[in-house]
């Protein structure tokens, strides 16, 4: 028997998501004592002390199942963002939210509009459900072309994915652009506008920009808008896998019906509740990124490296005349983990997470060394 004969057709061509390499893995592979990781857009400052304390205070409760409805976390989120708990849902990371939405809404006859160079997990979710991905090019500045995205929608369009700021380009769309996009969307065969899935994983970094739109401000007038964010980035809880979203109450009710029970674990809920109260940690993290971004831009200019200005905690830079994959390997040998962009069809680009100053200095020193070799 060929196992492929009994696998659902939509899953046959699925390729696994390639996660960033760990520090321990690189130490073993290249026999290195010191390695820095600037690959997965984690917060180099780490988690809030309040979150770490909450973890310790809940260790003795791990034999209990967690609250399946994340009641306390929704209460904290409701207070922080002034959104009713009935409009909030939680999940084990942004990846689960993407899949929950896909499983709830996407059929084989549906078209899902996504942008070129957007987060690869969107196209994977579309493929998983056997839907059709309609890929729209970005504009000349590696930004979402929201006008083109709206024009690509038709009666078969079920949903549109947007990341703001975008991963991996770091670019963002403004309040004016996003507002106009929502107005421009046509009705589909169901007599409603397509579902707009707004990924704001880097919300706290994007909000530094004065004209950056807060997705929650558009929920009231756009009943098919779903906004989601994560505790993996600025809150430094990537290892706990906890995210959350905002949507119309009816949409939230159906997400609650289809999600796995106990999907957000007990420790993740406790840490997230504490983390969201630590505004000082968020401000420290934002200030670090603003300062270190300027440093990296300055150093890139000195050595003649092309880069894209970013509204997130990472920078996409060009590796030409070296292929991104080759530079990635050479930097690994030097103890610096970055992210090659081949899977995004950007073979001569690399994404680097903005770290602590000492990490960024080491990255620049190793980059210069590789470029000279």
Protein backbone atom coordinates (compact mmCIF):
# COMPACT_ATOMS: atom_id res chain seq x y z
CA UNK A 1 0.00 0.00 0.00
CA UNK A 2 1.16 3.52 -0.81
CA UNK A 3 0.27 5.75 2.13
CA UNK A 4 -0.25 8.64 -0.31
CA UNK A 5 -3.32 6.86 -1.66
CA UNK A 6 -5.20 7.42 1.58
CA UNK A 7 -3.92 10.91 2.43
CA UNK A 8 -6.21 13.82 1.68
CA UNK A 9 -5.16 15.26 -1.69
CA UNK A 10 -4.66 18.78 -0.33
CA UNK A 11 -2.04 17.43 2.11
CA UNK A 12 -0.01 15.46 -0.42
CA UNK A 13 2.18 18.35 -1.54
CA UNK A 14 2.51 20.03 1.85
CA UNK A 15 6.04 20.83 2.87
CA UNK A 16 6.89 21.21 6.57
CA UNK A 17 7.55 24.67 7.94
CA UNK A 18 11.30 25.12 8.37
CA UNK A 19 11.88 26.49 11.86
CA UNK A 20 14.94 28.54 12.75
CA UNK A 21 17.94 26.62 14.07
CA UNK A 22 18.50 26.60 17.84
CA UNK A 23 21.64 27.80 19.62
CA UNK A 24 22.30 24.30 21.00
CA UNK A 25 22.01 22.77 17.52
CA UNK A 26 24.57 25.16 16.02
CA UNK A 27 26.99 24.70 18.93
CA UNK A 28 26.96 20.96 18.32
CA UNK A 29 27.10 21.18 14.53
CA UNK A 30 30.01 23.63 14.32
CA UNK A 31 31.72 22.88 17.65
CA UNK A 32 31.24 26.43 18.87
CA UNK A 33 31.24 27.71 22.47
CA UNK A 34 29.45 31.01 21.84
CA UNK A 35 26.47 31.44 19.52
CA UNK A 36 23.93 34.26 19.21
CA UNK A 37 20.50 33.78 17.70
CA UNK A 38 19.10 36.59 15.57
CA UNK A 39 16.76 34.49 13.45
CA UNK A 40 13.27 34.18 14.93
CA UNK A 41 12.36 37.75 15.94
CA UNK A 42 12.36 36.97 19.65
CA UNK A 43 12.81 39.70 22.25
CA UNK A 44 16.48 39.71 23.27
CA UNK A 45 15.57 41.35 26.58
CA UNK A 46 13.68 38.21 27.49
CA UNK A 47 10.38 37.92 29.30
CA UNK A 48 9.01 40.30 31.90
CA UNK A 49 10.09 39.62 35.49
CA UNK A 50 6.41 39.70 36.36
CA UNK A 51 5.77 36.90 33.87
CA UNK A 52 8.65 34.82 35.23
CA UNK A 53 7.34 35.27 38.77
CA UNK A 54 3.87 34.17 37.65
CA UNK A 55 5.41 31.02 36.16
CA UNK A 56 7.14 30.14 39.43
CA UNK A 57 3.95 30.79 41.39
CA UNK A 58 2.05 28.32 39.23
CA UNK A 59 4.52 25.44 38.95
CA UNK A 60 2.73 23.50 41.68
CA UNK A 61 -0.55 23.64 39.72
CA UNK A 62 0.61 21.95 36.53
CA UNK A 63 -1.19 18.69 37.38
CA UNK A 64 -4.48 20.58 36.84
CA UNK A 65 -5.97 21.17 33.41
CA UNK A 66 -5.89 24.85 32.44
CA UNK A 67 -8.98 27.02 32.23
CA UNK A 68 -10.34 25.99 28.85
CA UNK A 69 -11.85 29.43 28.23
CA UNK A 70 -8.80 31.47 29.33
CA UNK A 71 -11.17 33.55 31.46
CA UNK A 72 -8.54 35.58 33.33
CA UNK A 73 -6.44 36.18 30.23
CA UNK A 74 -9.47 37.46 28.33
CA UNK A 75 -10.25 39.73 31.27
CA UNK A 76 -6.75 41.23 31.18
CA UNK A 77 -6.88 41.60 27.39
CA UNK A 78 -10.30 43.22 27.61
CA UNK A 79 -9.05 45.79 30.10
CA UNK A 80 -5.84 46.49 28.18
CA UNK A 81 -7.45 46.95 24.76
CA UNK A 82 -10.98 48.01 25.75
CA UNK A 83 -12.58 45.18 23.82
CA UNK A 84 -15.41 43.08 25.27
CA UNK A 85 -14.38 39.54 26.36
CA UNK A 86 -17.08 38.22 24.00
CA UNK A 87 -14.98 39.56 21.12
CA UNK A 88 -11.73 37.89 22.26
CA UNK A 89 -10.37 34.40 21.63
CA UNK A 90 -7.07 32.78 22.61
CA UNK A 91 -4.85 30.14 21.04
CA UNK A 92 -1.54 28.30 21.29
CA UNK A 93 0.38 30.83 19.20
CA UNK A 94 -0.41 32.70 16.00
CA UNK A 95 0.12 29.54 13.96
CA UNK A 96 -2.86 27.91 15.64
CA UNK A 97 -5.01 30.98 14.99
CA UNK A 98 -4.19 30.83 11.27
CA UNK A 99 -5.18 27.16 11.14
CA UNK A 100 -8.31 27.66 13.26
CA UNK A 101 -9.54 30.34 10.86
CA UNK A 102 -8.68 28.22 7.81
CA UNK A 103 -10.45 25.14 9.17
CA UNK A 104 -13.50 27.19 10.10
CA UNK A 105 -13.95 29.12 6.85
CA UNK A 106 -11.96 27.78 3.88
CA UNK A 107 -13.51 25.39 1.34
CA UNK A 108 -12.06 23.94 -1.86
CA UNK A 109 -14.11 26.34 -4.03
CA UNK A 110 -12.89 29.41 -2.14
CA UNK A 111 -10.20 31.84 -3.25
CA UNK A 112 -7.92 33.29 -0.58
CA UNK A 113 -6.00 36.45 -1.47
CA UNK A 114 -2.48 36.76 -0.08
CA UNK A 115 0.46 38.99 -0.86
CA UNK A 116 3.79 37.98 -2.32
CA UNK A 117 6.49 37.96 0.40
CA UNK A 118 3.97 37.60 3.22
CA UNK A 119 4.21 35.12 6.10
CA UNK A 120 4.52 31.66 4.59
CA UNK A 121 2.04 30.09 7.01
CA UNK A 122 -0.87 31.72 5.15
CA UNK A 123 -0.24 29.87 1.90
CA UNK A 124 0.33 26.67 3.88
CA UNK A 125 -3.09 27.03 5.54
CA UNK A 126 -4.73 27.66 2.16
CA UNK A 127 -3.08 24.55 0.72
CA UNK A 128 -4.05 22.50 3.77
CA UNK A 129 -7.74 23.23 3.14
CA UNK A 130 -7.52 22.69 -0.61
CA UNK A 131 -8.50 26.29 -1.36
CA UNK A 132 -7.02 28.45 -4.14
CA UNK A 133 -4.36 31.00 -3.23
CA UNK A 134 -4.45 34.20 -5.28
CA UNK A 135 -1.02 35.79 -4.89
CA UNK A 136 -0.73 39.55 -5.45
CA UNK A 137 2.67 41.26 -5.98
CA UNK A 138 3.93 43.82 -3.47
CA UNK A 139 4.59 47.39 -4.52
CA UNK A 140 8.07 48.64 -5.45
CA UNK A 141 8.96 49.27 -1.80
CA UNK A 142 8.18 45.74 -0.57
CA UNK A 143 4.88 46.93 0.94
CA UNK A 144 1.44 45.38 0.68
CA UNK A 145 -0.28 46.81 -2.41
CA UNK A 146 -3.68 47.14 -0.75
CA UNK A 147 -5.34 48.57 -3.89
CA UNK A 148 -4.19 45.55 -5.89
CA UNK A 149 -5.33 43.18 -3.14
CA UNK A 150 -8.82 44.70 -3.19
CA UNK A 151 -8.96 44.48 -7.00
CA UNK A 152 -7.95 40.80 -6.85
CA UNK A 153 -11.07 40.01 -4.81
CA UNK A 154 -14.15 38.66 -6.61
CA UNK A 155 -17.33 36.72 -5.85
CA UNK A 156 -15.30 33.61 -4.95
CA UNK A 157 -12.99 35.40 -2.50
CA UNK A 158 -13.55 34.08 1.01
CA UNK A 159 -10.68 35.86 2.78
CA UNK A 160 -7.67 38.17 2.53
CA UNK A 161 -4.54 37.83 4.68
CA UNK A 162 -2.67 40.98 5.72
CA UNK A 163 0.31 41.30 8.07
CA UNK A 164 1.03 44.72 9.50
CA UNK A 165 3.97 45.19 9.94
CA UNK A 166 4.79 42.45 7.46
CA UNK A 167 7.06 39.51 8.10
CA UNK A 168 9.64 39.17 6.53
CA UNK A 169 9.91 42.62 4.89
CA UNK A 170 9.24 44.73 8.01
CA UNK A 171 7.15 47.21 6.02
CA UNK A 172 3.74 48.49 7.09
CA UNK A 173 0.59 50.08 5.71
CA UNK A 174 -0.82 53.32 7.10
CA UNK A 175 -4.17 54.15 8.71
CA UNK A 176 -5.30 55.92 5.55
CA UNK A 177 -4.32 53.01 3.30
CA UNK A 178 -5.96 50.38 5.48
CA UNK A 179 -9.18 52.37 5.88
CA UNK A 180 -9.46 52.80 2.12
CA UNK A 181 -8.74 49.11 1.56
CA UNK A 182 -11.65 48.09 3.77
CA UNK A 183 -13.94 50.43 1.81
CA UNK A 184 -12.70 49.12 -1.56
CA UNK A 185 -13.41 45.45 -0.87
CA UNK A 186 -16.24 44.11 -3.07
CA UNK A 187 -19.03 41.80 -1.95
CA UNK A 188 -18.53 38.07 -2.58
CA UNK A 189 -21.08 35.41 -3.52
CA UNK A 190 -22.34 35.34 0.07
CA UNK A 191 -23.33 38.98 -0.17
CA UNK A 192 -20.67 40.11 2.33
CA UNK A 193 -17.15 41.47 2.10
CA UNK A 194 -14.34 38.90 2.32
CA UNK A 195 -12.95 38.04 5.73
CA UNK A 196 -9.93 40.24 6.42
CA UNK A 197 -7.42 38.38 8.59
CA UNK A 198 -5.13 41.04 10.04
CA UNK A 199 -1.98 39.60 11.59
CA UNK A 200 -0.55 42.11 14.08
CA UNK A 201 2.15 39.90 15.61
CA UNK A 202 4.46 42.92 15.66
CA UNK A 203 1.77 45.36 16.81
CA UNK A 204 3.75 46.84 19.72
CA UNK A 205 6.68 47.64 17.41
CA UNK A 206 4.49 48.96 14.60
CA UNK A 207 2.58 51.22 16.98
CA UNK A 208 5.72 53.33 17.39
CA UNK A 209 4.92 54.74 13.93
CA UNK A 210 2.43 57.63 14.13
CA UNK A 211 0.38 56.56 11.10
CA UNK A 212 0.25 52.86 12.01
CA UNK A 213 -3.34 51.55 12.26
CA UNK A 214 -4.62 49.68 15.32
CA UNK A 215 -6.81 46.89 13.94
CA UNK A 216 -9.17 46.92 16.92
CA UNK A 217 -10.39 50.39 15.89
CA UNK A 218 -11.97 48.88 12.76
CA UNK A 219 -13.85 45.97 14.33
CA UNK A 220 -17.12 47.78 14.99
CA UNK A 221 -17.71 48.79 11.36
CA UNK A 222 -16.23 45.65 9.73
CA UNK A 223 -18.04 42.52 10.87
CA UNK A 224 -15.80 40.16 8.87
CA UNK A 225 -12.53 41.54 10.26
CA UNK A 226 -10.38 39.25 12.43
CA UNK A 227 -7.36 40.77 14.19
CA UNK A 228 -4.80 38.67 16.02
CA UNK A 229 -1.64 39.26 18.03
CA UNK A 230 0.85 37.23 20.03
CA UNK A 231 2.85 37.10 23.26
CA UNK A 232 5.78 35.55 21.35
CA UNK A 233 7.41 38.76 20.18
CA UNK A 234 7.68 41.86 22.39
CA UNK A 235 6.39 39.99 25.46
CA UNK A 236 9.14 37.37 25.15
CA UNK A 237 6.95 34.30 25.68
CA UNK A 238 7.65 32.47 22.41
CA UNK A 239 8.43 29.23 24.24
CA UNK A 240 4.99 29.15 25.89
CA UNK A 241 2.93 29.53 22.68
CA UNK A 242 0.11 31.92 23.52
CA UNK A 243 -1.72 34.33 21.21
CA UNK A 244 -5.08 36.07 21.04
CA UNK A 245 -7.51 37.56 18.58
CA UNK A 246 -10.40 39.97 18.25
CA UNK A 247 -13.47 39.50 16.08
CA UNK A 248 -17.23 39.80 15.80
CA UNK A 249 -18.95 37.89 18.62
CA UNK A 250 -20.48 35.34 16.22
CA UNK A 251 -17.09 34.58 14.68
CA UNK A 252 -15.59 34.17 18.15
CA UNK A 253 -18.38 31.76 19.11
CA UNK A 254 -17.57 29.52 16.14
CA UNK A 255 -13.83 29.67 16.81
CA UNK A 256 -14.59 28.58 20.38
CA UNK A 257 -16.59 25.62 19.03
CA UNK A 258 -13.84 24.42 16.72
CA UNK A 259 -10.65 25.05 18.70
CA UNK A 260 -9.10 22.22 20.74
CA UNK A 261 -10.09 22.29 24.43
CA UNK A 262 -7.36 23.46 26.83
CA UNK A 263 -5.36 24.80 23.87
CA UNK A 264 -3.59 27.49 25.95
CA UNK A 265 -1.73 25.79 28.78
CA UNK A 266 -1.91 26.81 32.43
CA UNK A 267 1.58 28.34 32.65
CA UNK A 268 1.12 30.23 29.39
CA UNK A 269 -2.10 31.82 30.67
CA UNK A 270 -0.51 32.83 33.99
CA UNK A 271 2.59 34.32 32.33
CA UNK A 272 0.56 36.18 29.70
CA UNK A 273 -1.73 37.73 32.34
CA UNK A 274 1.33 39.05 34.17
CA UNK A 275 3.22 40.13 31.04
CA UNK A 276 0.43 42.32 29.73
CA UNK A 277 0.49 44.39 32.94
CA UNK A 278 4.21 45.17 32.58
CA UNK A 279 4.07 48.27 30.41
CA UNK A 280 7.60 49.23 31.45
CA UNK A 281 8.99 46.08 29.82
CA UNK A 282 7.19 46.90 26.58
CA UNK A 283 8.59 50.45 26.60
CA UNK A 284 12.12 49.17 27.28
CA UNK A 285 11.79 46.75 24.39
CA UNK A 286 10.51 49.45 22.04
CA UNK A 287 13.34 51.83 22.98
CA UNK A 288 15.93 49.09 22.42
CA UNK A 289 14.63 48.41 18.92
CA UNK A 290 14.50 52.09 17.95
CA UNK A 291 18.08 52.65 19.13
CA UNK A 292 19.57 49.47 17.70
CA UNK A 293 17.73 49.84 14.41
CA UNK A 294 19.50 53.15 13.88
CA UNK A 295 22.83 51.50 14.68
CA UNK A 296 22.28 48.69 12.18
CA UNK A 297 21.07 51.07 9.45
CA UNK A 298 24.21 53.15 9.94
CA UNK A 299 26.48 50.11 9.77
CA UNK A 300 24.70 48.72 6.70
CA UNK A 301 25.26 52.03 4.91
CA UNK A 302 28.94 52.03 5.81
CA UNK A 303 29.55 48.65 4.21
CA UNK A 304 27.20 49.25 1.29
CA UNK A 305 24.54 46.68 2.21
CA UNK A 306 21.04 47.32 0.84
CA UNK A 307 18.28 47.02 3.42
CA UNK A 308 14.57 47.72 3.86
CA UNK A 309 13.48 50.10 6.59
CA UNK A 310 11.52 48.14 9.15
CA UNK A 311 8.64 48.88 11.53
CA UNK A 312 9.29 45.60 13.37
CA UNK A 313 12.13 44.10 15.41
CA UNK A 314 13.99 42.70 12.40
CA UNK A 315 15.56 43.96 9.19
CA UNK A 316 15.58 42.38 5.74
CA UNK A 317 18.88 43.02 3.96
CA UNK A 318 20.33 42.04 0.59
CA UNK A 319 23.29 39.68 0.39
CA UNK A 320 24.21 40.16 -3.30
CA UNK A 321 26.63 39.12 -4.77
CA UNK A 322 26.48 36.26 -2.23
CA UNK A 323 23.41 34.03 -2.16
CA UNK A 324 21.46 34.35 1.05
CA UNK A 325 21.75 30.65 1.81
CA UNK A 326 25.53 30.78 1.43
CA UNK A 327 25.81 33.82 3.71
CA UNK A 328 23.50 32.13 6.19
CA UNK A 329 25.87 29.13 6.37
CA UNK A 330 28.99 31.30 6.62
CA UNK A 331 27.45 33.30 9.48
CA UNK A 332 26.48 30.03 11.21
CA UNK A 333 30.15 29.04 11.13
CA UNK A 334 30.89 32.34 12.87
CA UNK A 335 28.30 31.65 15.58
CA UNK A 336 25.56 33.96 14.32
CA UNK A 337 22.15 32.51 13.47
CA UNK A 338 20.07 34.55 11.01
CA UNK A 339 17.29 33.55 8.61
CA UNK A 340 17.78 32.86 4.91
CA UNK A 341 14.80 33.83 2.75
CA UNK A 342 14.77 31.14 0.04
CA UNK A 343 11.37 29.82 1.13
CA UNK A 344 9.97 33.32 0.51
CA UNK A 345 11.42 33.42 -3.01
CA UNK A 346 14.01 35.96 -1.86
CA UNK A 347 17.22 33.98 -2.50
CA UNK A 348 19.60 36.92 -2.11
CA UNK A 349 18.10 38.36 1.08
CA UNK A 350 18.48 37.59 4.79
CA UNK A 351 16.30 38.58 7.74
CA UNK A 352 18.13 39.47 10.93
CA UNK A 353 16.46 40.01 14.30
CA UNK A 354 17.51 43.17 16.12
CA UNK A 355 19.23 42.02 19.31
CA UNK A 356 21.09 43.59 22.20
CA UNK A 357 23.83 46.06 21.24
CA UNK A 358 26.64 43.57 21.90
CA UNK A 359 24.84 41.02 19.71
CA UNK A 360 24.32 43.53 16.91
CA UNK A 361 27.98 44.60 17.06
CA UNK A 362 29.08 40.98 16.81
CA UNK A 363 26.69 40.39 13.90
CA UNK A 364 28.10 43.38 11.99
CA UNK A 365 31.69 42.26 12.66
CA UNK A 366 30.94 38.76 11.38
CA UNK A 367 29.00 40.11 8.39
CA UNK A 368 32.02 42.24 7.40
CA UNK A 369 34.25 39.19 7.71
CA UNK A 370 32.01 37.10 5.48
CA UNK A 371 31.72 39.84 2.87
CA UNK A 372 35.51 40.17 2.68
CA UNK A 373 36.14 36.43 2.37
